[in-house]
């Protein structure tokens, strides 16, 4: 029974350490490039730890906007941000993979269009 507890505790510790490592990989300042049907857009994204969750803010010449959510699971990242588009709110969902100092993935523009994105850590 003691051996089983040690194995379970070791597994739980390894799982929490890998989750913390993945979240830490997302932390920092990123140069973000989004390619949508309307063209290429560049901005800066800052991801930081706030208590037990990740938060992000996007910065561009148009100003700053907080992301609605940031989720990291393993090397997968999901970012959600709501913008104003033609006078109406549009939720953009970015799904990608973190690979060291870069992130690459796809963007869904509220189900109306899709695009791609990439980010390089500063």
PDB file of N, CA and C in Angstrom:
ATOM      1  N   UNK A   1       0.822  -1.189   0.000  1.00  0.00           N
ATOM      2  CA  UNK A   1       0.000   0.000   0.000  1.00  0.00           C
ATOM      3  C   UNK A   1       0.865   1.252   0.000  1.00  0.00           C
ATOM      4  N   UNK A   2       1.968   1.228   0.762  1.00  0.00           N
ATOM      5  CA  UNK A   2       2.867   2.378   0.822  1.00  0.00           C
ATOM      6  C   UNK A   2       3.481   2.637  -0.542  1.00  0.00           C
ATOM      7  N   UNK A   3       3.841   1.587  -1.262  1.00  0.00           N
ATOM      8  CA  UNK A   3       4.419   1.737  -2.593  1.00  0.00           C
ATOM      9  C   UNK A   3       3.422   2.414  -3.529  1.00  0.00           C
ATOM     10  N   UNK A   4       2.167   2.032  -3.451  1.00  0.00           N
ATOM     11  CA  UNK A   4       1.135   2.639  -4.289  1.00  0.00           C
ATOM     12  C   UNK A   4       1.002   4.119  -3.980  1.00  0.00           C
ATOM     13  N   UNK A   5       1.029   4.511  -2.724  1.00  0.00           N
ATOM     14  CA  UNK A   5       0.938   5.927  -2.355  1.00  0.00           C
ATOM     15  C   UNK A   5       2.119   6.710  -2.909  1.00  0.00           C
ATOM     16  N   UNK A   6       3.308   6.124  -2.836  1.00  0.00           N
ATOM     17  CA  UNK A   6       4.502   6.795  -3.360  1.00  0.00           C
ATOM     18  C   UNK A   6       4.385   6.981  -4.869  1.00  0.00           C
ATOM     19  N   UNK A   7       3.911   5.964  -5.567  1.00  0.00           N
ATOM     20  CA  UNK A   7       3.747   6.051  -7.023  1.00  0.00           C
ATOM     21  C   UNK A   7       2.720   7.122  -7.376  1.00  0.00           C
ATOM     22  N   UNK A   8       1.583   7.121  -6.695  1.00  0.00           N
ATOM     23  CA  UNK A   8       0.531   8.115  -6.963  1.00  0.00           C
ATOM     24  C   UNK A   8       1.036   9.522  -6.648  1.00  0.00           C
ATOM     25  N   UNK A   9       1.714   9.697  -5.532  1.00  0.00           N
ATOM     26  CA  UNK A   9       2.242  11.014  -5.160  1.00  0.00           C
ATOM     27  C   UNK A   9       3.275  11.486  -6.169  1.00  0.00           C
ATOM     28  N   UNK A  10       4.141  10.584  -6.629  1.00  0.00           N
ATOM     29  CA  UNK A  10       5.152  10.940  -7.620  1.00  0.00           C
ATOM     30  C   UNK A  10       4.495  11.358  -8.926  1.00  0.00           C
ATOM     31  N   UNK A  11       3.478  10.612  -9.353  1.00  0.00           N
ATOM     32  CA  UNK A  11       2.760  10.947 -10.581  1.00  0.00           C
ATOM     33  C   UNK A  11       2.085  12.316 -10.464  1.00  0.00           C
ATOM     34  N   UNK A  12       1.429  12.572  -9.344  1.00  0.00           N
ATOM     35  CA  UNK A  12       0.755  13.859  -9.139  1.00  0.00           C
ATOM     36  C   UNK A  12       1.755  15.006  -9.148  1.00  0.00           C
ATOM     37  N   UNK A  13       2.887  14.810  -8.518  1.00  0.00           N
ATOM     38  CA  UNK A  13       3.923  15.842  -8.501  1.00  0.00           C
ATOM     39  C   UNK A  13       4.457  16.100  -9.899  1.00  0.00           C
ATOM     40  N   UNK A  14       4.710  15.047 -10.655  1.00  0.00           N
ATOM     41  CA  UNK A  14       5.216  15.199 -12.023  1.00  0.00           C
ATOM     42  C   UNK A  14       4.193  15.903 -12.899  1.00  0.00           C
ATOM     43  N   UNK A  15       2.919  15.569 -12.742  1.00  0.00           N
ATOM     44  CA  UNK A  15       1.861  16.200 -13.532  1.00  0.00           C
ATOM     45  C   UNK A  15       1.756  17.680 -13.215  1.00  0.00           C
ATOM     46  N   UNK A  16       1.776  18.043 -11.945  1.00  0.00           N
ATOM     47  CA  UNK A  16       1.676  19.459 -11.582  1.00  0.00           C
ATOM     48  C   UNK A  16       2.922  20.213 -12.014  1.00  0.00           C
ATOM     49  N   UNK A  17       4.081  19.588 -11.961  1.00  0.00           N
ATOM     50  CA  UNK A  17       5.314  20.245 -12.409  1.00  0.00           C
ATOM     51  C   UNK A  17       5.274  20.479 -13.912  1.00  0.00           C
ATOM     52  N   UNK A  18       4.756  19.520 -14.695  1.00  0.00           N
ATOM     53  CA  UNK A  18       4.709  19.704 -16.144  1.00  0.00           C
ATOM     54  C   UNK A  18       3.698  20.784 -16.513  1.00  0.00           C
ATOM     55  N   UNK A  19       2.585  20.881 -15.777  1.00  0.00           N
ATOM     56  CA  UNK A  19       1.608  21.942 -16.026  1.00  0.00           C
ATOM     57  C   UNK A  19       2.203  23.301 -15.690  1.00  0.00           C
ATOM     58  N   UNK A  20       2.903  23.396 -14.580  1.00  0.00           N
ATOM     59  CA  UNK A  20       3.542  24.656 -14.194  1.00  0.00           C
ATOM     60  C   UNK A  20       4.597  25.042 -15.214  1.00  0.00           C
ATOM     61  N   UNK A  21       5.377  24.068 -15.706  1.00  0.00           N
ATOM     62  CA  UNK A  21       6.391  24.364 -16.709  1.00  0.00           C
ATOM     63  C   UNK A  21       5.747  24.897 -17.981  1.00  0.00           C
ATOM     64  N   UNK A  22       4.662  24.261 -18.424  1.00  0.00           N
ATOM     65  CA  UNK A  22       3.986  24.701 -19.648  1.00  0.00           C
ATOM     66  C   UNK A  22       3.453  26.118 -19.481  1.00  0.00           C
ATOM     67  N   UNK A  23       2.839  26.394 -18.321  1.00  0.00           N
ATOM     68  CA  UNK A  23       2.342  27.749 -18.096  1.00  0.00           C
ATOM     69  C   UNK A  23       3.495  28.736 -18.066  1.00  0.00           C
ATOM     70  N   UNK A  24       4.608  28.364 -17.435  1.00  0.00           N
ATOM     71  CA  UNK A  24       5.766  29.251 -17.393  1.00  0.00           C
ATOM     72  C   UNK A  24       6.305  29.510 -18.789  1.00  0.00           C
ATOM     73  N   UNK A  25       6.187  28.546 -19.696  1.00  0.00           N
ATOM     74  CA  UNK A  25       6.659  28.736 -21.067  1.00  0.00           C
ATOM     75  C   UNK A  25       5.864  29.833 -21.775  1.00  0.00           C
ATOM     76  N   UNK A  26       4.625  30.051 -21.363  1.00  0.00           N
ATOM     77  CA  UNK A  26       3.788  31.086 -21.980  1.00  0.00           C
ATOM     78  C   UNK A  26       4.057  32.475 -21.409  1.00  0.00           C
ATOM     79  N   UNK A  27       4.662  32.538 -20.229  1.00  0.00           N
ATOM     80  CA  UNK A  27       4.892  33.830 -19.580  1.00  0.00           C
ATOM     81  C   UNK A  27       5.890  34.666 -20.356  1.00  0.00           C
ATOM     82  N   UNK A  28       5.645  35.966 -20.368  1.00  0.00           N
ATOM     83  CA  UNK A  28       6.592  36.878 -20.990  1.00  0.00           C
ATOM     84  C   UNK A  28       5.947  37.782 -22.020  1.00  0.00           C
ATOM     85  N   UNK A  29       6.800  38.446 -22.772  1.00  0.00           N
ATOM     86  CA  UNK A  29       6.365  39.387 -23.800  1.00  0.00           C
ATOM     87  C   UNK A  29       6.619  38.770 -25.161  1.00  0.00           C
ATOM     88  N   UNK A  30       5.613  38.810 -26.003  1.00  0.00           N
ATOM     89  CA  UNK A  30       5.648  38.160 -27.311  1.00  0.00           C
ATOM     90  C   UNK A  30       5.332  39.160 -28.418  1.00  0.00           C
ATOM     91  N   UNK A  31       6.071  39.098 -29.522  1.00  0.00           N
ATOM     92  CA  UNK A  31       5.716  39.816 -30.744  1.00  0.00           C
ATOM     93  C   UNK A  31       4.733  38.926 -31.489  1.00  0.00           C
ATOM     94  N   UNK A  32       3.502  39.390 -31.635  1.00  0.00           N
ATOM     95  CA  UNK A  32       2.419  38.598 -32.205  1.00  0.00           C
ATOM     96  C   UNK A  32       2.117  39.080 -33.620  1.00  0.00           C
ATOM     97  N   UNK A  33       2.038  38.147 -34.550  1.00  0.00           N
ATOM     98  CA  UNK A  33       1.647  38.444 -35.927  1.00  0.00           C
ATOM     99  C   UNK A  33       0.413  37.632 -36.250  1.00  0.00           C
ATOM    100  N   UNK A  34      -0.657  38.316 -36.633  1.00  0.00           N
ATOM    101  CA  UNK A  34      -1.914  37.667 -36.986  1.00  0.00           C
ATOM    102  C   UNK A  34      -2.162  37.874 -38.476  1.00  0.00           C
ATOM    103  N   UNK A  35      -2.488  36.803 -39.177  1.00  0.00           N
ATOM    104  CA  UNK A  35      -2.823  36.888 -40.602  1.00  0.00           C
ATOM    105  C   UNK A  35      -4.291  36.511 -40.739  1.00  0.00           C
ATOM    106  N   UNK A  36      -5.093  37.506 -41.115  1.00  0.00           N
ATOM    107  CA  UNK A  36      -6.534  37.302 -41.269  1.00  0.00           C
ATOM    108  C   UNK A  36      -6.915  37.567 -42.722  1.00  0.00           C
ATOM    109  N   UNK A  37      -8.173  37.314 -43.095  1.00  0.00           N
ATOM    110  CA  UNK A  37      -8.592  37.641 -44.461  1.00  0.00           C
ATOM    111  C   UNK A  37      -8.431  39.133 -44.789  1.00  0.00           C
ATOM    112  N   UNK A  38      -8.297  39.981 -43.762  1.00  0.00           N
ATOM    113  CA  UNK A  38      -8.134  41.416 -43.993  1.00  0.00           C
ATOM    114  C   UNK A  38      -6.678  41.872 -43.984  1.00  0.00           C
ATOM    115  N   UNK A  39      -5.753  40.931 -43.830  1.00  0.00           N
ATOM    116  CA  UNK A  39      -4.342  41.286 -43.885  1.00  0.00           C
ATOM    117  C   UNK A  39      -3.559  40.829 -42.673  1.00  0.00           C
ATOM    118  N   UNK A  40      -2.321  41.317 -42.611  1.00  0.00           N
ATOM    119  CA  UNK A  40      -1.418  40.959 -41.522  1.00  0.00           C
ATOM    120  C   UNK A  40      -1.385  42.080 -40.495  1.00  0.00           C
ATOM    121  N   UNK A  41      -1.471  41.699 -39.226  1.00  0.00           N
ATOM    122  CA  UNK A  41      -1.460  42.674 -38.145  1.00  0.00           C
ATOM    123  C   UNK A  41      -0.414  42.273 -37.117  1.00  0.00           C
ATOM    124  N   UNK A  42       0.327  43.251 -36.633  1.00  0.00           N
ATOM    125  CA  UNK A  42       1.362  43.007 -35.634  1.00  0.00           C
ATOM    126  C   UNK A  42       0.976  43.702 -34.329  1.00  0.00           C
ATOM    127  N   UNK A  43       1.253  43.036 -33.231  1.00  0.00           N
ATOM    128  CA  UNK A  43       0.998  43.597 -31.909  1.00  0.00           C
ATOM    129  C   UNK A  43       1.972  42.951 -30.926  1.00  0.00           C
ATOM    130  N   UNK A  44       1.878  43.362 -29.691  1.00  0.00           N
ATOM    131  CA  UNK A  44       2.669  42.784 -28.619  1.00  0.00           C
ATOM    132  C   UNK A  44       1.697  42.189 -27.612  1.00  0.00           C
ATOM    133  N   UNK A  45       2.015  40.993 -27.142  1.00  0.00           N
ATOM    134  CA  UNK A  45       1.184  40.336 -26.144  1.00  0.00           C
ATOM    135  C   UNK A  45       2.042  40.073 -24.910  1.00  0.00           C
ATOM    136  N   UNK A  46       1.519  40.469 -23.764  1.00  0.00           N
ATOM    137  CA  UNK A  46       2.204  40.202 -22.504  1.00  0.00           C
ATOM    138  C   UNK A  46       1.379  39.206 -21.707  1.00  0.00           C
ATOM    139  N   UNK A  47       2.007  38.104 -21.309  1.00  0.00           N
ATOM    140  CA  UNK A  47       1.350  37.072 -20.516  1.00  0.00           C
ATOM    141  C   UNK A  47       2.035  37.028 -19.154  1.00  0.00           C
ATOM    142  N   UNK A  48       1.218  37.072 -18.103  1.00  0.00           N
ATOM    143  CA  UNK A  48       1.783  37.025 -16.753  1.00  0.00           C
ATOM    144  C   UNK A  48       0.906  36.157 -15.859  1.00  0.00           C
ATOM    145  N   UNK A  49       1.486  35.778 -14.743  1.00  0.00           N
ATOM    146  CA  UNK A  49       0.773  34.984 -13.744  1.00  0.00           C
ATOM    147  C   UNK A  49       0.059  35.937 -12.797  1.00  0.00           C
ATOM    148  N   UNK A  50      -1.217  35.696 -12.519  1.00  0.00           N
ATOM    149  CA  UNK A  50      -1.979  36.478 -11.553  1.00  0.00           C
ATOM    150  C   UNK A  50      -2.644  35.484 -10.603  1.00  0.00           C
ATOM    151  N   UNK A  51      -1.993  35.241  -9.473  1.00  0.00           N
ATOM    152  CA  UNK A  51      -2.490  34.213  -8.560  1.00  0.00           C
ATOM    153  C   UNK A  51      -2.322  32.855  -9.188  1.00  0.00           C
ATOM    154  N   UNK A  52      -3.425  32.123  -9.343  1.00  0.00           N
ATOM    155  CA  UNK A  52      -3.341  30.780  -9.915  1.00  0.00           C
ATOM    156  C   UNK A  52      -3.750  30.732 -11.387  1.00  0.00           C
ATOM    157  N   UNK A  53      -3.878  31.896 -12.033  1.00  0.00           N
ATOM    158  CA  UNK A  53      -4.257  31.877 -13.442  1.00  0.00           C
ATOM    159  C   UNK A  53      -3.338  32.763 -14.271  1.00  0.00           C
ATOM    160  N   UNK A  54      -3.377  32.536 -15.572  1.00  0.00           N
ATOM    161  CA  UNK A  54      -2.628  33.357 -16.508  1.00  0.00           C
ATOM    162  C   UNK A  54      -3.523  34.468 -17.033  1.00  0.00           C
ATOM    163  N   UNK A  55      -2.953  35.648 -17.211  1.00  0.00           N
ATOM    164  CA  UNK A  55      -3.668  36.759 -17.819  1.00  0.00           C
ATOM    165  C   UNK A  55      -2.786  37.337 -18.919  1.00  0.00           C
ATOM    166  N   UNK A  56      -3.423  37.942 -19.904  1.00  0.00           N
ATOM    167  CA  UNK A  56      -2.675  38.523 -21.017  1.00  0.00           C
ATOM    168  C   UNK A  56      -3.294  39.848 -21.420  1.00  0.00           C
ATOM    169  N   UNK A  57      -2.454  40.709 -21.964  1.00  0.00           N
ATOM    170  CA  UNK A  57      -2.907  41.978 -22.522  1.00  0.00           C
ATOM    171  C   UNK A  57      -2.239  42.146 -23.879  1.00  0.00           C
ATOM    172  N   UNK A  58      -3.031  42.625 -24.841  1.00  0.00           N
ATOM    173  CA  UNK A  58      -2.511  42.912 -26.171  1.00  0.00           C
ATOM    174  C   UNK A  58      -2.263  44.400 -26.306  1.00  0.00           C
ATOM    175  N   UNK A  59      -1.149  44.746 -26.947  1.00  0.00           N
ATOM    176  CA  UNK A  59      -0.797  46.155 -27.139  1.00  0.00           C
ATOM    177  C   UNK A  59      -0.499  46.391 -28.619  1.00  0.00           C
ATOM    178  N   UNK A  60      -1.108  47.456 -29.152  1.00  0.00           N
ATOM    179  CA  UNK A  60      -0.898  47.828 -30.551  1.00  0.00           C
ATOM    180  C   UNK A  60      -1.010  49.347 -30.652  1.00  0.00           C
ATOM    181  N   UNK A  61      -0.776  49.902 -31.818  1.00  0.00           N
ATOM    182  CA  UNK A  61      -0.948  51.348 -31.969  1.00  0.00           C
ATOM    183  C   UNK A  61      -2.371  51.828 -31.640  1.00  0.00           C
ATOM    184  N   UNK A  62      -3.350  50.914 -31.686  1.00  0.00           N
ATOM    185  CA  UNK A  62      -4.739  51.271 -31.359  1.00  0.00           C
ATOM    186  C   UNK A  62      -4.982  51.296 -29.848  1.00  0.00           C
ATOM    187  N   UNK A  63      -4.023  50.835 -29.051  1.00  0.00           N
ATOM    188  CA  UNK A  63      -4.171  50.844 -27.602  1.00  0.00           C
ATOM    189  C   UNK A  63      -3.940  49.474 -26.992  1.00  0.00           C
ATOM    190  N   UNK A  64      -4.403  49.320 -25.741  1.00  0.00           N
ATOM    191  CA  UNK A  64      -4.259  48.065 -25.006  1.00  0.00           C
ATOM    192  C   UNK A  64      -5.617  47.422 -24.803  1.00  0.00           C
ATOM    193  N   UNK A  65      -5.632  46.091 -24.819  1.00  0.00           N
ATOM    194  CA  UNK A  65      -6.881  45.354 -24.604  1.00  0.00           C
ATOM    195  C   UNK A  65      -6.540  44.058 -23.879  1.00  0.00           C
ATOM    196  N   UNK A  66      -7.232  43.790 -22.767  1.00  0.00           N
ATOM    197  CA  UNK A  66      -6.986  42.520 -22.066  1.00  0.00           C
ATOM    198  C   UNK A  66      -7.604  41.352 -22.837  1.00  0.00           C
ATOM    199  N   UNK A  67      -6.952  40.222 -22.785  1.00  0.00           N
ATOM    200  CA  UNK A  67      -7.524  38.996 -23.333  1.00  0.00           C
ATOM    201  C   UNK A  67      -8.596  38.504 -22.365  1.00  0.00           C
ATOM    202  N   UNK A  68      -9.630  37.875 -22.901  1.00  0.00           N
ATOM    203  CA  UNK A  68     -10.702  37.332 -22.073  1.00  0.00           C
ATOM    204  C   UNK A  68     -10.193  36.152 -21.254  1.00  0.00           C
ATOM    205  N   UNK A  69      -9.335  35.329 -21.872  1.00  0.00           N
ATOM    206  CA  UNK A  69      -8.798  34.171 -21.162  1.00  0.00           C
ATOM    207  C   UNK A  69      -7.527  33.674 -21.835  1.00  0.00           C
ATOM    208  N   UNK A  70      -6.726  32.977 -21.026  1.00  0.00           N
ATOM    209  CA  UNK A  70      -5.508  32.311 -21.485  1.00  0.00           C
ATOM    210  C   UNK A  70      -5.501  30.940 -20.825  1.00  0.00           C
ATOM    211  N   UNK A  71      -5.359  29.892 -21.625  1.00  0.00           N
ATOM    212  CA  UNK A  71      -5.293  28.539 -21.071  1.00  0.00           C
ATOM    213  C   UNK A  71      -4.118  27.805 -21.707  1.00  0.00           C
ATOM    214  N   UNK A  72      -3.347  27.123 -20.868  1.00  0.00           N
ATOM    215  CA  UNK A  72      -2.217  26.330 -21.336  1.00  0.00           C
ATOM    216  C   UNK A  72      -2.387  24.920 -20.799  1.00  0.00           C
ATOM    217  N   UNK A  73      -2.294  23.957 -21.706  1.00  0.00           N
ATOM    218  CA  UNK A  73      -2.348  22.547 -21.327  1.00  0.00           C
ATOM    219  C   UNK A  73      -1.268  21.827 -22.113  1.00  0.00           C
ATOM    220  N   UNK A  74      -0.244  21.378 -21.405  1.00  0.00           N
ATOM    221  CA  UNK A  74       0.911  20.798 -22.100  1.00  0.00           C
ATOM    222  C   UNK A  74       1.571  21.891 -22.916  1.00  0.00           C
ATOM    223  N   UNK A  75       1.763  21.646 -24.209  1.00  0.00           N
ATOM    224  CA  UNK A  75       2.339  22.675 -25.071  1.00  0.00           C
ATOM    225  C   UNK A  75       1.267  23.415 -25.879  1.00  0.00           C
ATOM    226  N   UNK A  76      -0.003  23.153 -25.579  1.00  0.00           N
ATOM    227  CA  UNK A  76      -1.104  23.804 -26.292  1.00  0.00           C
ATOM    228  C   UNK A  76      -1.546  25.051 -25.543  1.00  0.00           C
ATOM    229  N   UNK A  77      -1.803  26.106 -26.302  1.00  0.00           N
ATOM    230  CA  UNK A  77      -2.262  27.369 -25.718  1.00  0.00           C
ATOM    231  C   UNK A  77      -3.529  27.818 -26.434  1.00  0.00           C
ATOM    232  N   UNK A  78      -4.469  28.339 -25.661  1.00  0.00           N
ATOM    233  CA  UNK A  78      -5.693  28.922 -26.212  1.00  0.00           C
ATOM    234  C   UNK A  78      -5.826  30.323 -25.626  1.00  0.00           C
ATOM    235  N   UNK A  79      -5.968  31.293 -26.519  1.00  0.00           N
ATOM    236  CA  UNK A  79      -6.137  32.694 -26.132  1.00  0.00           C
ATOM    237  C   UNK A  79      -7.460  33.174 -26.715  1.00  0.00           C
ATOM    238  N   UNK A  80      -8.225  33.897 -25.913  1.00  0.00           N
ATOM    239  CA  UNK A  80      -9.507  34.427 -26.377  1.00  0.00           C
ATOM    240  C   UNK A  80      -9.516  35.918 -26.105  1.00  0.00           C
ATOM    241  N   UNK A  81      -9.890  36.696 -27.123  1.00  0.00           N
ATOM    242  CA  UNK A  81      -9.981  38.146 -26.980  1.00  0.00           C
ATOM    243  C   UNK A  81     -11.216  38.625 -27.741  1.00  0.00           C
ATOM    244  N   UNK A  82     -11.894  39.616 -27.194  1.00  0.00           N
ATOM    245  CA  UNK A  82     -13.051  40.200 -27.859  1.00  0.00           C
ATOM    246  C   UNK A  82     -12.676  41.599 -28.322  1.00  0.00           C
ATOM    247  N   UNK A  83     -12.913  41.852 -29.603  1.00  0.00           N
ATOM    248  CA  UNK A  83     -12.606  43.155 -30.197  1.00  0.00           C
ATOM    249  C   UNK A  83     -13.881  43.767 -30.758  1.00  0.00           C
ATOM    250  N   UNK A  84     -13.801  45.039 -31.121  1.00  0.00           N
ATOM    251  CA  UNK A  84     -14.893  45.684 -31.841  1.00  0.00           C
ATOM    252  C   UNK A  84     -14.587  45.566 -33.333  1.00  0.00           C
ATOM    253  N   UNK A  85     -15.544  45.047 -34.089  1.00  0.00           N
ATOM    254  CA  UNK A  85     -15.375  44.887 -35.530  1.00  0.00           C
ATOM    255  C   UNK A  85     -16.625  45.413 -36.220  1.00  0.00           C
ATOM    256  N   UNK A  86     -16.456  46.449 -37.009  1.00  0.00           N
ATOM    257  CA  UNK A  86     -17.584  47.095 -37.692  1.00  0.00           C
ATOM    258  C   UNK A  86     -18.706  47.445 -36.721  1.00  0.00           C
ATOM    259  N   UNK A  87     -18.330  47.923 -35.549  1.00  0.00           N
ATOM    260  CA  UNK A  87     -19.305  48.367 -34.560  1.00  0.00           C
ATOM    261  C   UNK A  87     -19.918  47.284 -33.702  1.00  0.00           C
ATOM    262  N   UNK A  88     -19.504  46.047 -33.899  1.00  0.00           N
ATOM    263  CA  UNK A  88     -20.039  44.939 -33.108  1.00  0.00           C
ATOM    264  C   UNK A  88     -18.894  44.169 -32.459  1.00  0.00           C
ATOM    265  N   UNK A  89     -19.160  43.509 -31.331  1.00  0.00           N
ATOM    266  CA  UNK A  89     -18.112  42.703 -30.708  1.00  0.00           C
ATOM    267  C   UNK A  89     -17.840  41.436 -31.519  1.00  0.00           C
ATOM    268  N   UNK A  90     -16.580  41.073 -31.600  1.00  0.00           N
ATOM    269  CA  UNK A  90     -16.177  39.827 -32.251  1.00  0.00           C
ATOM    270  C   UNK A  90     -15.188  39.121 -31.339  1.00  0.00           C
ATOM    271  N   UNK A  91     -15.446  37.863 -31.068  1.00  0.00           N
ATOM    272  CA  UNK A  91     -14.548  37.064 -30.242  1.00  0.00           C
ATOM    273  C   UNK A  91     -13.595  36.299 -31.150  1.00  0.00           C
ATOM    274  N   UNK A  92     -12.304  36.500 -30.923  1.00  0.00           N
ATOM    275  CA  UNK A  92     -11.275  35.797 -31.674  1.00  0.00           C
ATOM    276  C   UNK A  92     -10.667  34.751 -30.742  1.00  0.00           C
ATOM    277  N   UNK A  93     -10.607  33.512 -31.222  1.00  0.00           N
ATOM    278  CA  UNK A  93     -10.005  32.426 -30.453  1.00  0.00           C
ATOM    279  C   UNK A  93      -8.760  31.953 -31.173  1.00  0.00           C
ATOM    280  N   UNK A  94      -7.636  32.077 -30.490  1.00  0.00           N
ATOM    281  CA  UNK A  94      -6.357  31.611 -31.007  1.00  0.00           C
ATOM    282  C   UNK A  94      -6.043  30.266 -30.369  1.00  0.00           C
ATOM    283  N   UNK A  95      -5.731  29.273 -31.177  1.00  0.00           N
ATOM    284  CA  UNK A  95      -5.291  27.985 -30.655  1.00  0.00           C
ATOM    285  C   UNK A  95      -3.962  27.647 -31.304  1.00  0.00           C
ATOM    286  N   UNK A  96      -2.969  27.332 -30.484  1.00  0.00           N
ATOM    287  CA  UNK A  96      -1.653  27.069 -31.037  1.00  0.00           C
ATOM    288  C   UNK A  96      -0.814  26.194 -30.143  1.00  0.00           C
ATOM    289  N   UNK A  97       0.435  26.037 -30.561  1.00  0.00           N
ATOM    290  CA  UNK A  97       1.399  25.236 -29.812  1.00  0.00           C
ATOM    291  C   UNK A  97       2.604  26.091 -29.460  1.00  0.00           C
ATOM    292  N   UNK A  98       3.027  25.962 -28.208  1.00  0.00           N
ATOM    293  CA  UNK A  98       4.229  26.636 -27.743  1.00  0.00           C
ATOM    294  C   UNK A  98       5.405  25.720 -28.034  1.00  0.00           C
ATOM    295  N   UNK A  99       6.406  26.270 -28.695  1.00  0.00           N
ATOM    296  CA  UNK A  99       7.619  25.519 -28.998  1.00  0.00           C
ATOM    297  C   UNK A  99       8.811  26.389 -28.627  1.00  0.00           C
ATOM    298  N   UNK A 100       9.191  26.332 -27.366  1.00  0.00           N
ATOM    299  CA  UNK A 100      10.305  27.156 -26.892  1.00  0.00           C
ATOM    300  C   UNK A 100       9.932  28.623 -26.912  1.00  0.00           C
ATOM    301  N   UNK A 101      10.622  29.386 -27.747  1.00  0.00           N
ATOM    302  CA  UNK A 101      10.399  30.835 -27.826  1.00  0.00           C
ATOM    303  C   UNK A 101       9.486  31.224 -28.972  1.00  0.00           C
ATOM    304  N   UNK A 102       8.663  30.280 -29.439  1.00  0.00           N
ATOM    305  CA  UNK A 102       7.700  30.630 -30.492  1.00  0.00           C
ATOM    306  C   UNK A 102       6.376  29.922 -30.258  1.00  0.00           C
ATOM    307  N   UNK A 103       5.348  30.534 -30.783  1.00  0.00           N
ATOM    308  CA  UNK A 103       4.002  29.962 -30.759  1.00  0.00           C
ATOM    309  C   UNK A 103       3.470  30.072 -32.182  1.00  0.00           C
ATOM    310  N   UNK A 104       2.818  29.026 -32.659  1.00  0.00           N
ATOM    311  CA  UNK A 104       2.180  29.061 -33.972  1.00  0.00           C
ATOM    312  C   UNK A 104       0.826  28.383 -33.874  1.00  0.00           C
ATOM    313  N   UNK A 105      -0.136  28.900 -34.660  1.00  0.00           N
ATOM    314  CA  UNK A 105      -1.445  28.272 -34.627  1.00  0.00           C
ATOM    315  C   UNK A 105      -2.448  28.950 -35.531  1.00  0.00           C
ATOM    316  N   UNK A 106      -3.708  28.694 -35.215  1.00  0.00           N
ATOM    317  CA  UNK A 106      -4.823  29.184 -36.019  1.00  0.00           C
ATOM    318  C   UNK A 106      -5.669  30.157 -35.215  1.00  0.00           C
ATOM    319  N   UNK A 107      -6.365  31.025 -35.942  1.00  0.00           N
ATOM    320  CA  UNK A 107      -7.263  32.000 -35.329  1.00  0.00           C
ATOM    321  C   UNK A 107      -8.658  31.831 -35.920  1.00  0.00           C
ATOM    322  N   UNK A 108      -9.656  31.846 -35.064  1.00  0.00           N
ATOM    323  CA  UNK A 108     -11.053  31.764 -35.488  1.00  0.00           C
ATOM    324  C   UNK A 108     -11.711  33.093 -35.145  1.00  0.00           C
ATOM    325  N   UNK A 109     -12.216  33.768 -36.141  1.00  0.00           N
ATOM    326  CA  UNK A 109     -12.832  35.084 -35.986  1.00  0.00           C
ATOM    327  C   UNK A 109     -14.343  34.947 -35.824  1.00  0.00           C
ATOM    328  N   UNK A 110     -14.747  34.519 -34.641  1.00  0.00           N
ATOM    329  CA  UNK A 110     -16.165  34.414 -34.322  1.00  0.00           C
ATOM    330  C   UNK A 110     -16.955  33.513 -35.248  1.00  0.00           C
ATOM    331  N   UNK A 111     -16.292  32.528 -35.863  1.00  0.00           N
ATOM    332  CA  UNK A 111     -16.968  31.618 -36.788  1.00  0.00           C
ATOM    333  C   UNK A 111     -17.191  32.210 -38.166  1.00  0.00           C
ATOM    334  N   UNK A 112     -16.782  33.469 -38.369  1.00  0.00           N
ATOM    335  CA  UNK A 112     -16.983  34.125 -39.661  1.00  0.00           C
ATOM    336  C   UNK A 112     -15.819  33.925 -40.622  1.00  0.00           C
ATOM    337  N   UNK A 113     -14.631  33.740 -40.076  1.00  0.00           N
ATOM    338  CA  UNK A 113     -13.432  33.584 -40.899  1.00  0.00           C
ATOM    339  C   UNK A 113     -12.349  32.918 -40.051  1.00  0.00           C
ATOM    340  N   UNK A 114     -11.316  32.453 -40.725  1.00  0.00           N
ATOM    341  CA  UNK A 114     -10.175  31.868 -40.027  1.00  0.00           C
ATOM    342  C   UNK A 114      -8.894  32.493 -40.554  1.00  0.00           C
ATOM    343  N   UNK A 115      -7.844  32.324 -39.780  1.00  0.00           N
ATOM    344  CA  UNK A 115      -6.536  32.822 -40.163  1.00  0.00           C
ATOM    345  C   UNK A 115      -5.471  32.077 -39.372  1.00  0.00           C
ATOM    346  N   UNK A 116      -4.281  32.640 -39.366  1.00  0.00           N
ATOM    347  CA  UNK A 116      -3.176  32.033 -38.632  1.00  0.00           C
ATOM    348  C   UNK A 116      -2.543  33.091 -37.748  1.00  0.00           C
ATOM    349  N   UNK A 117      -1.726  32.614 -36.811  1.00  0.00           N
ATOM    350  CA  UNK A 117      -0.970  33.543 -35.995  1.00  0.00           C
ATOM    351  C   UNK A 117       0.351  32.912 -35.613  1.00  0.00           C
ATOM    352  N   UNK A 118       1.303  33.757 -35.302  1.00  0.00           N
ATOM    353  CA  UNK A 118       2.585  33.299 -34.779  1.00  0.00           C
ATOM    354  C   UNK A 118       3.058  34.344 -33.774  1.00  0.00           C
ATOM    355  N   UNK A 119       3.879  33.879 -32.851  1.00  0.00           N
ATOM    356  CA  UNK A 119       4.419  34.783 -31.840  1.00  0.00           C
ATOM    357  C   UNK A 119       5.859  34.381 -31.563  1.00  0.00           C
ATOM    358  N   UNK A 120       6.696  35.385 -31.339  1.00  0.00           N
ATOM    359  CA  UNK A 120       8.093  35.156 -30.987  1.00  0.00           C
ATOM    360  C   UNK A 120       8.356  35.861 -29.672  1.00  0.00           C
ATOM    361  N   UNK A 121       8.964  35.150 -28.746  1.00  0.00           N
ATOM    362  CA  UNK A 121       9.235  35.708 -27.429  1.00  0.00           C
ATOM    363  C   UNK A 121      10.311  36.772 -27.550  1.00  0.00           C
ATOM    364  N   UNK A 122      10.082  37.904 -26.890  1.00  0.00           N
ATOM    365  CA  UNK A 122      11.063  38.996 -26.883  1.00  0.00           C
ATOM    366  C   UNK A 122      12.167  38.694 -25.920  1.00  0.00           C
TER     367      UNK A 122
END
